[in-house]
Every structure is written in C-alpha cells, then in structure tokens.
Amino acid sequence: MKNYDVVIVGAGIAGLECAKNLATSGLTVLIVEKSHQIQRKVCAEGIITNDLDYIPKDLINFDFQNVKVFYRDKTVTFPDKGGIISSVNREKLLHHQIDNLKKFSNIIFAFGSPVSEIFPDNSLKLKNGERFEFRFLIGADGSISIVRKFLGIPTKKLEIAIQYIIPKKLDGFKVYLDDNLFGTGYLWIFPNADYTSIGCGSDLNFIKPPVLKSNFDQWLKNNNFNMEGAKFEGALINYDYKGYRFGNIFLAGDAAGLTSGILGKGINSAFLSGKQIAKDILGINDTNLVKKWIGKKKKGEKYMFFLKNQFARKIFFSVAIRLLSYKKFMINLEKMIKD
C-alpha cells in the first residue's frame, strides 16, 4: 500500500481549495476523482461579491449586476443601484485550480479512480484494486458522499436542482418566485459568457422531482422559451449539516451539507470549507470559517419553517417582495450578503 498524509476524495472546488492550502506544507496529498476529466455540476454558476475572496476577478464573466425578482404581478430590482451578482464558468474555474496545483510535486492526481471502499484502519481501496493509507481523509465528493456514508451520517435535508443549458447568452439575471410551481424554491435565469442556465430547485420534502420537472417545462412553454438544442441536467443538493470534522476525517462542501438551504448556493461554502480543513490539518487556530458560515446558514434557514405549507409560502413571498421594495431594507440586505 502507498501512504499519503492526506487523501482527498473529489476534485471539485472544495477538494481543490483544500489541496491548494496544503501545497506548500510538505505533506503528500492524493486527490482521487471518479471521473476521467472535469465534469459539469448542476449549478446556476452565479456568484456574489464575497466570492471574489476565492475567485480571481479575471475568471468572472461580467461586471457585477443587479438581479430582477418576479412574484405574481410584482417586479423588484435588487439592489436598486450597483451590482451584486455575476457568473463564472465552473469548468474553467476548476481547470484554473488544477493547473496551479500541478506545479507542486507533493500534490498527486488520480482521475478516473472511483473509491470502492473505506476501511477503519485509515485506508481506502479504489475500484481498480489500488489501496492507500492516509493520515487524514477528506470527503469532498458531493451530495451522495461515500465518505459521509462511511461515517454513518444520514442525509435527510435534500433539494433537487434541474436546469437547461441553452447555447446562447441572455441578458440579465432573473429570479422567479411561484409557490404553486416551485414549492419552497425558485426559478432562475443566469447568463454565462456564451450560454445561459435556466433552472429551478426546491426542497424534496415539499415537491417531488417529476412534479417540479412538469411545472418547470410548463412555465418555459407558457413564457415562449425554445429549448431546442438545450442540454437538460439534474442533481441533488445536500444542506443537512451535521459537522465537518470527525477525528482525522473531514467533510467539505456538499458532502458536509454546507450549501444554503434557502438559496441553494454552495460555491462560497465549498471554498471556505476546503480552506478551513487545511487549517485544521496544519494546526492553524484562528477564526473558524466553517463555524462562522454555519451561523449565517442557520439564520437564513430558520425561514424554512414558514415555507412548509402553501398558505405560509404565499404570505412569506408576498412579504419578502414588499420588503425588497424598501430602500433601507435593501441596503441592509445587501450589506448582510456582502459580509
């Protein structure tokens, strides 16, 4: 068996960010990825201004813009001045991370290497039969995480995200609230440089995937969207956080359930969890980025209580759209998001 100080399962944003923060440590790091090459993830690819803490500005597609929020006959532009949202091509971002990591001899990649089993003796086996020992193991392997499964941590809070990728850039970021069609979630239209993501998501506890898909397709038809040549994608999102460190085993990003249950946004939490896990391994004791994020995440998700039935959702969405029309509330909300 080969021995590594750190084995990272999953070459996504969280796993690669962790490796980046270990690159100059002298520790040997193995990144195992089940796919043979970088794969798209079902993601609207929207980023907000605080994501620039991790994403180089030259990788974003546009200057930050505002977003239009639609509910019934009302439309609110947020923020009314300036911009808070842009988009990034996730594949380009991952290739950027990988290219930088390949400069370090202690970072080893194993693409096309699914993990078949993890053992209590701090070792794991790949489907090709190879076996590795580790001092630290990091599960950065998404919502259906084999590392989370090994730890025996159940996942009860899941969202479904579905989207079409249309091969042209549409103008402007748009969000549509409709409690009848999208349950606790929303529909988005997010442009990228040369394509646009049109998708929706909702909590699985409140709407079944076939119903959501049918409602989504009907909305597209009613609004005269031509899906010819569009690619359909779907995936589960885990927001059931139960902790991120379990002795010498860590969970990052979606595997830890760090995605926001209210917004479905997970890029920033993937980055910060990867960075925090590296700090834990290196014994750096300062502000815990994951714990700081969990405080914000729980604060936002407390509103999930009001979204559990249709009557409450109507009230919640109506109040939310009204509050967004008040300048003082909008300023405070923008500050909270940026912080």
Protein backbone atom coordinates (compact mmCIF):
# COMPACT_ATOMS: atom_id res chain seq x y z
CA MET A 1 0.00 0.00 0.00
CA LYS A 2 1.09 3.54 -0.77
CA ASN A 3 0.95 6.01 2.09
CA TYR A 4 -0.23 9.61 1.89
CA ASP A 5 -0.57 12.24 4.55
CA VAL A 6 -3.86 13.43 3.06
CA VAL A 7 -6.28 11.74 0.68
CA ILE A 8 -8.97 13.98 -0.82
CA VAL A 9 -11.96 12.25 -2.43
CA GLY A 10 -13.34 14.53 -5.13
CA ALA A 11 -11.67 17.06 -7.42
CA GLY A 12 -14.32 19.73 -7.07
CA ILE A 13 -14.00 23.26 -5.74
CA ALA A 14 -13.77 22.23 -2.06
CA GLY A 15 -11.22 19.45 -2.56
CA LEU A 16 -9.01 21.54 -4.80
CA GLU A 17 -9.13 24.51 -2.43
CA CYS A 18 -8.02 22.26 0.42
CA ALA A 19 -5.13 20.93 -1.68
CA LYS A 20 -4.12 24.48 -2.60
CA ASN A 21 -3.82 25.38 1.08
CA LEU A 22 -1.69 22.27 1.71
CA ALA A 23 0.51 22.71 -1.36
CA THR A 24 3.45 24.32 0.43
CA SER A 25 3.09 22.29 3.64
CA GLY A 26 5.35 19.42 2.63
CA LEU A 27 2.51 16.94 3.20
CA THR A 28 1.83 14.39 0.49
CA VAL A 29 -1.66 14.88 -0.92
CA LEU A 30 -3.54 12.46 -3.17
CA ILE A 31 -6.68 13.70 -4.94
CA VAL A 32 -8.86 10.86 -6.23
CA GLU A 33 -11.63 11.71 -8.69
CA LYS A 34 -14.08 9.17 -10.07
CA SER A 35 -14.41 10.90 -13.46
CA HIS A 36 -11.71 10.79 -16.10
CA GLN A 37 -11.97 14.52 -16.62
CA ILE A 38 -13.57 17.59 -15.06
CA GLN A 39 -17.33 17.22 -15.11
CA ARG A 40 -20.05 19.85 -15.16
CA LYS A 41 -22.03 20.15 -11.97
CA VAL A 42 -25.67 21.17 -11.98
CA CYS A 43 -25.12 24.74 -10.88
CA ALA A 44 -26.50 28.09 -11.96
CA GLU A 45 -22.89 29.34 -11.62
CA GLY A 46 -23.99 32.57 -10.01
CA ILE A 47 -21.51 34.27 -7.72
CA ILE A 48 -21.78 37.29 -5.46
CA THR A 49 -19.19 39.84 -4.49
CA ASN A 50 -17.80 37.92 -1.48
CA ASP A 51 -16.88 35.01 -3.80
CA LEU A 52 -14.04 37.20 -5.06
CA ASP A 53 -12.23 36.23 -1.84
CA TYR A 54 -11.53 32.95 -3.68
CA ILE A 55 -12.21 33.51 -7.39
CA PRO A 56 -9.80 35.63 -9.49
CA LYS A 57 -11.65 38.57 -10.95
CA ASP A 58 -10.45 37.78 -14.46
CA LEU A 59 -12.43 34.50 -14.38
CA ILE A 60 -15.84 36.11 -13.86
CA ASN A 61 -17.98 36.74 -16.92
CA PHE A 62 -19.36 40.22 -16.30
CA ASP A 63 -19.11 43.20 -14.03
CA PHE A 64 -21.41 42.68 -11.06
CA GLN A 65 -25.03 43.39 -11.91
CA ASN A 66 -28.37 43.57 -10.14
CA VAL A 67 -30.98 40.84 -10.26
CA LYS A 68 -34.69 41.16 -11.06
CA VAL A 69 -37.03 39.28 -8.74
CA PHE A 70 -40.52 38.44 -10.01
CA TYR A 71 -43.53 37.38 -7.93
CA ARG A 72 -47.02 37.41 -9.43
CA ASP A 73 -47.52 40.89 -10.89
CA LYS A 74 -44.65 42.49 -8.97
CA THR A 75 -41.04 43.02 -10.02
CA VAL A 76 -38.23 44.27 -7.81
CA THR A 77 -34.67 45.05 -8.90
CA PHE A 78 -32.08 44.25 -6.25
CA PRO A 79 -30.05 46.24 -5.45
CA ASP A 80 -31.55 49.36 -6.97
CA LYS A 81 -28.05 50.79 -7.54
CA GLY A 82 -24.82 48.97 -8.23
CA GLY A 83 -24.43 45.25 -8.66
CA ILE A 84 -24.13 42.16 -6.51
CA ILE A 85 -24.23 39.16 -8.87
CA SER A 86 -22.19 37.78 -11.74
CA SER A 87 -21.40 34.29 -13.05
CA VAL A 88 -18.38 32.07 -13.55
CA ASN A 89 -17.76 29.11 -15.82
CA ARG A 90 -17.30 26.34 -13.27
CA GLU A 91 -15.24 24.14 -15.62
CA LYS A 92 -12.79 26.96 -16.34
CA LEU A 93 -12.56 27.67 -12.63
CA LEU A 94 -11.73 24.02 -11.86
CA HIS A 95 -9.13 23.85 -14.64
CA HIS A 96 -7.58 27.03 -13.23
CA GLN A 97 -7.34 25.39 -9.79
CA ILE A 98 -5.89 22.16 -11.20
CA ASP A 99 -3.31 23.92 -13.39
CA ASN A 100 -1.99 25.76 -10.33
CA LEU A 101 -1.84 22.57 -8.25
CA LYS A 102 0.13 20.69 -10.90
CA LYS A 103 3.08 22.96 -10.15
CA PHE A 104 3.56 21.22 -6.77
CA SER A 105 5.28 17.82 -6.64
CA ASN A 106 3.54 16.80 -3.38
CA ILE A 107 0.06 17.04 -5.00
CA ILE A 108 -0.85 13.88 -6.92
CA PHE A 109 -3.99 13.44 -9.04
CA ALA A 110 -5.76 10.16 -9.77
CA PHE A 111 -8.55 10.79 -12.28
CA GLY A 112 -10.92 8.01 -13.31
CA SER A 113 -10.47 6.44 -9.87
CA PRO A 114 -13.74 5.81 -8.02
CA VAL A 115 -13.41 4.80 -4.37
CA SER A 116 -14.98 1.39 -3.75
CA GLU A 117 -14.41 1.03 -0.01
CA ILE A 118 -13.08 2.85 3.03
CA PHE A 119 -11.63 0.86 5.94
CA PRO A 120 -11.43 1.65 9.68
CA ASP A 121 -7.65 1.18 9.59
CA ASN A 122 -7.18 4.53 7.79
CA SER A 123 -7.04 3.09 4.31
CA LEU A 124 -9.23 3.01 1.24
CA LYS A 125 -9.49 0.98 -1.94
CA LEU A 126 -10.21 2.14 -5.47
CA LYS A 127 -12.32 0.17 -7.90
CA ASN A 128 -9.19 -0.73 -9.85
CA GLY A 129 -7.89 -2.55 -6.74
CA GLU A 130 -5.30 0.01 -5.62
CA ARG A 131 -5.24 0.65 -1.88
CA PHE A 132 -3.87 3.64 0.01
CA GLU A 133 -3.20 4.50 3.63
CA PHE A 134 -3.84 8.03 4.90
CA ARG A 135 -3.34 10.15 7.98
CA PHE A 136 -6.25 12.42 7.04
CA LEU A 137 -9.20 11.73 4.77
CA ILE A 138 -11.36 14.45 3.20
CA GLY A 139 -14.73 13.76 1.65
CA ALA A 140 -15.24 16.44 -0.98
CA ASP A 141 -17.32 14.08 -3.08
CA GLY A 142 -20.66 15.86 -3.31
CA SER A 143 -24.17 15.27 -2.03
CA ILE A 144 -24.02 11.47 -2.34
CA SER A 145 -20.72 11.15 -0.50
CA ILE A 146 -19.07 7.78 0.06
CA VAL A 147 -17.06 9.32 2.91
CA ARG A 148 -20.22 10.61 4.61
CA LYS A 149 -21.74 7.16 4.16
CA PHE A 150 -18.67 5.55 5.75
CA LEU A 151 -19.07 7.86 8.75
CA GLY A 152 -22.69 6.71 9.10
CA ILE A 153 -24.12 10.22 8.82
CA PRO A 154 -27.67 10.23 7.39
CA THR A 155 -28.85 12.88 4.93
CA LYS A 156 -32.47 13.97 5.37
CA LYS A 157 -32.42 17.53 4.06
CA LEU A 158 -32.09 17.42 0.28
CA GLU A 159 -33.04 19.73 -2.56
CA ILE A 160 -33.45 18.88 -6.21
CA ALA A 161 -31.96 21.21 -8.82
CA ILE A 162 -32.81 20.91 -12.51
CA GLN A 163 -31.75 23.13 -15.37
CA TYR A 164 -31.44 23.55 -19.11
CA ILE A 165 -28.26 24.95 -20.61
CA ILE A 166 -29.17 26.91 -23.72
CA PRO A 167 -26.33 27.73 -26.14
CA LYS A 168 -26.76 31.50 -26.13
CA LYS A 169 -26.30 34.35 -23.70
CA LEU A 170 -29.46 36.03 -22.46
CA ASP A 171 -29.46 39.45 -20.86
CA GLY A 172 -29.73 39.96 -17.13
CA PHE A 173 -30.07 37.83 -14.01
CA LYS A 174 -33.65 36.95 -13.12
CA VAL A 175 -35.33 35.05 -10.28
CA TYR A 176 -38.99 33.96 -10.30
CA LEU A 177 -40.91 33.03 -7.16
CA ASP A 178 -44.00 30.88 -7.59
CA ASP A 179 -45.16 28.82 -4.64
CA ASN A 180 -47.54 26.78 -6.81
CA LEU A 181 -44.90 25.71 -9.35
CA PHE A 182 -41.61 25.68 -7.45
CA GLY A 183 -42.60 25.00 -3.84
CA THR A 184 -40.03 26.38 -1.40
CA GLY A 185 -37.59 27.22 -4.19
CA TYR A 186 -37.43 29.45 -7.22
CA LEU A 187 -36.65 29.58 -10.93
CA TRP A 188 -33.50 31.28 -12.16
CA ILE A 189 -32.21 32.66 -15.43
CA PHE A 190 -28.45 33.20 -15.14
CA PRO A 191 -26.37 34.16 -18.19
CA ASN A 192 -22.83 32.95 -18.70
CA ALA A 193 -20.38 34.23 -21.35
CA ASP A 194 -21.76 32.11 -24.21
CA TYR A 195 -24.64 30.15 -22.69
CA THR A 196 -27.44 30.58 -20.16
CA SER A 197 -28.64 28.42 -17.31
CA ILE A 198 -32.41 28.32 -16.89
CA GLY A 199 -33.32 26.16 -13.94
CA CYS A 200 -35.24 25.72 -10.75
CA GLY A 201 -34.89 23.96 -7.43
CA SER A 202 -36.88 23.07 -4.36
CA ASP A 203 -36.79 21.00 -1.20
CA LEU A 204 -37.57 17.32 -1.80
CA ASN A 205 -39.76 17.29 1.29
CA PHE A 206 -42.20 19.69 -0.36
CA ILE A 207 -42.30 18.73 -4.04
CA LYS A 208 -41.49 15.56 -5.97
CA PRO A 209 -38.96 15.76 -8.83
CA PRO A 210 -41.42 14.67 -11.59
CA VAL A 211 -43.88 17.35 -10.46
CA LEU A 212 -41.17 20.01 -10.38
CA LYS A 213 -39.96 18.99 -13.86
CA SER A 214 -43.50 19.11 -15.26
CA ASN A 215 -44.13 22.54 -13.70
CA PHE A 216 -40.80 23.81 -14.99
CA ASP A 217 -41.46 22.68 -18.57
CA GLN A 218 -44.93 24.21 -18.47
CA TRP A 219 -43.51 27.54 -17.28
CA LEU A 220 -40.98 27.51 -20.12
CA LYS A 221 -43.73 26.79 -22.63
CA ASN A 222 -46.00 29.50 -21.23
CA ASN A 223 -43.16 32.01 -21.44
CA ASN A 224 -42.22 31.07 -25.02
CA PHE A 225 -38.79 29.62 -24.34
CA ASN A 226 -37.46 27.43 -27.13
CA MET A 227 -35.46 24.57 -25.62
CA GLU A 228 -34.21 23.23 -28.96
CA GLY A 229 -30.52 22.38 -28.61
CA ALA A 230 -30.65 22.80 -24.82
CA LYS A 231 -28.97 20.31 -22.50
CA PHE A 232 -31.00 19.09 -19.53
CA GLU A 233 -29.29 18.41 -16.18
CA GLY A 234 -30.44 17.44 -12.71
CA ALA A 235 -28.84 16.73 -9.33
CA LEU A 236 -29.43 16.55 -5.60
CA ILE A 237 -28.16 19.22 -3.21
CA ASN A 238 -27.38 18.31 0.40
CA TYR A 239 -27.94 21.01 3.03
CA ASP A 240 -28.10 18.67 6.05
CA TYR A 241 -25.10 19.84 8.07
CA LYS A 242 -24.08 17.51 10.93
CA GLY A 243 -20.49 18.65 11.38
CA TYR A 244 -17.38 18.78 9.22
CA ARG A 245 -14.67 17.14 11.37
CA PHE A 246 -14.80 13.61 12.72
CA GLY A 247 -11.38 12.83 14.17
CA ASN A 248 -9.00 12.56 11.22
CA ILE A 249 -11.84 12.50 8.67
CA PHE A 250 -13.40 15.67 7.25
CA LEU A 251 -16.37 16.54 5.06
CA ALA A 252 -16.29 19.56 2.75
CA GLY A 253 -18.82 21.45 0.64
CA ASP A 254 -21.91 19.47 -0.38
CA ALA A 255 -20.64 16.33 1.35
CA ALA A 256 -20.86 18.22 4.66
CA GLY A 257 -24.24 19.74 3.80
CA LEU A 258 -22.83 23.26 3.79
CA THR A 259 -24.96 24.55 0.90
CA SER A 260 -27.55 27.16 1.85
CA GLY A 261 -30.95 25.52 2.18
CA ILE A 262 -32.74 28.79 1.50
CA LEU A 263 -30.81 29.80 -1.64
CA GLY A 264 -29.17 26.57 -2.82
CA LYS A 265 -25.87 28.45 -3.17
CA GLY A 266 -22.76 26.40 -2.42
CA ILE A 267 -19.69 27.81 -4.19
CA ASN A 268 -18.53 30.02 -1.33
CA SER A 269 -19.10 27.37 1.35
CA ALA A 270 -17.17 24.86 -0.77
CA PHE A 271 -14.17 27.20 -0.91
CA LEU A 272 -14.20 28.16 2.76
CA SER A 273 -14.63 24.57 3.97
CA GLY A 274 -11.67 23.42 1.88
CA LYS A 275 -9.56 26.21 3.34
CA GLN A 276 -10.70 25.53 6.92
CA ILE A 277 -9.97 21.81 6.70
CA ALA A 278 -6.42 22.58 5.55
CA LYS A 279 -6.06 24.93 8.54
CA ASP A 280 -7.25 22.18 10.88
CA ILE A 281 -4.75 19.71 9.43
CA LEU A 282 -1.95 22.24 9.78
CA GLY A 283 -2.98 23.18 13.32
CA ILE A 284 -3.80 26.81 12.50
CA ASN A 285 -6.13 28.05 15.24
CA ASP A 286 -7.76 31.31 14.24
CA THR A 287 -11.28 32.22 13.08
CA ASN A 288 -13.07 29.03 12.09
CA LEU A 289 -14.51 29.73 8.65
CA VAL A 290 -16.97 26.83 8.73
CA LYS A 291 -18.43 27.75 12.12
CA LYS A 292 -18.75 31.36 11.03
CA TRP A 293 -20.62 30.26 7.89
CA ILE A 294 -22.88 27.88 9.83
CA GLY A 295 -24.12 30.81 11.91
CA LYS A 296 -25.24 32.58 8.72
CA LYS A 297 -26.62 29.39 7.19
CA LYS A 298 -28.82 28.63 10.20
CA LYS A 299 -30.03 32.22 10.36
CA GLY A 300 -31.23 32.01 6.76
CA GLU A 301 -32.70 28.53 7.05
CA LYS A 302 -34.88 29.39 10.04
CA TYR A 303 -37.27 30.84 7.45
CA MET A 304 -37.72 27.32 6.04
CA PHE A 305 -40.29 26.89 8.81
CA PHE A 306 -42.56 29.40 7.07
CA LEU A 307 -42.27 27.60 3.74
CA LYS A 308 -43.65 24.24 4.85
CA ASN A 309 -47.18 24.81 3.59
CA GLN A 310 -48.56 26.65 0.61
CA PHE A 311 -50.55 29.23 2.57
CA ALA A 312 -47.49 30.23 4.60
CA ARG A 313 -45.37 30.42 1.42
CA LYS A 314 -47.80 32.86 -0.19
CA ILE A 315 -47.54 35.13 2.82
CA PHE A 316 -43.76 34.74 3.04
CA PHE A 317 -43.15 35.52 -0.64
CA SER A 318 -45.57 38.46 -0.57
CA VAL A 319 -43.86 39.96 2.46
CA ALA A 320 -40.39 39.32 1.01
CA ILE A 321 -41.16 41.07 -2.28
CA ARG A 322 -42.68 44.01 -0.41
CA LEU A 323 -39.65 44.36 1.86
CA LEU A 324 -37.35 44.38 -1.17
CA SER A 325 -39.14 47.50 -2.37
CA TYR A 326 -37.98 49.44 0.71
CA LYS A 327 -34.62 51.11 0.23
CA LYS A 328 -33.47 50.80 3.87
CA PHE A 329 -34.22 47.07 3.93
CA MET A 330 -32.47 46.62 0.59
CA ILE A 331 -29.33 48.37 1.85
CA ASN A 332 -29.21 46.21 5.00
CA LEU A 333 -29.80 43.02 3.00
CA GLU A 334 -27.04 43.91 0.53
CA LYS A 335 -24.63 44.57 3.40
CA MET A 336 -25.53 41.23 5.04
CA ILE A 337 -24.96 39.32 1.79
CA LYS A 338 -21.62 41.01 1.15
CA ASP A 339 -20.44 40.33 4.70
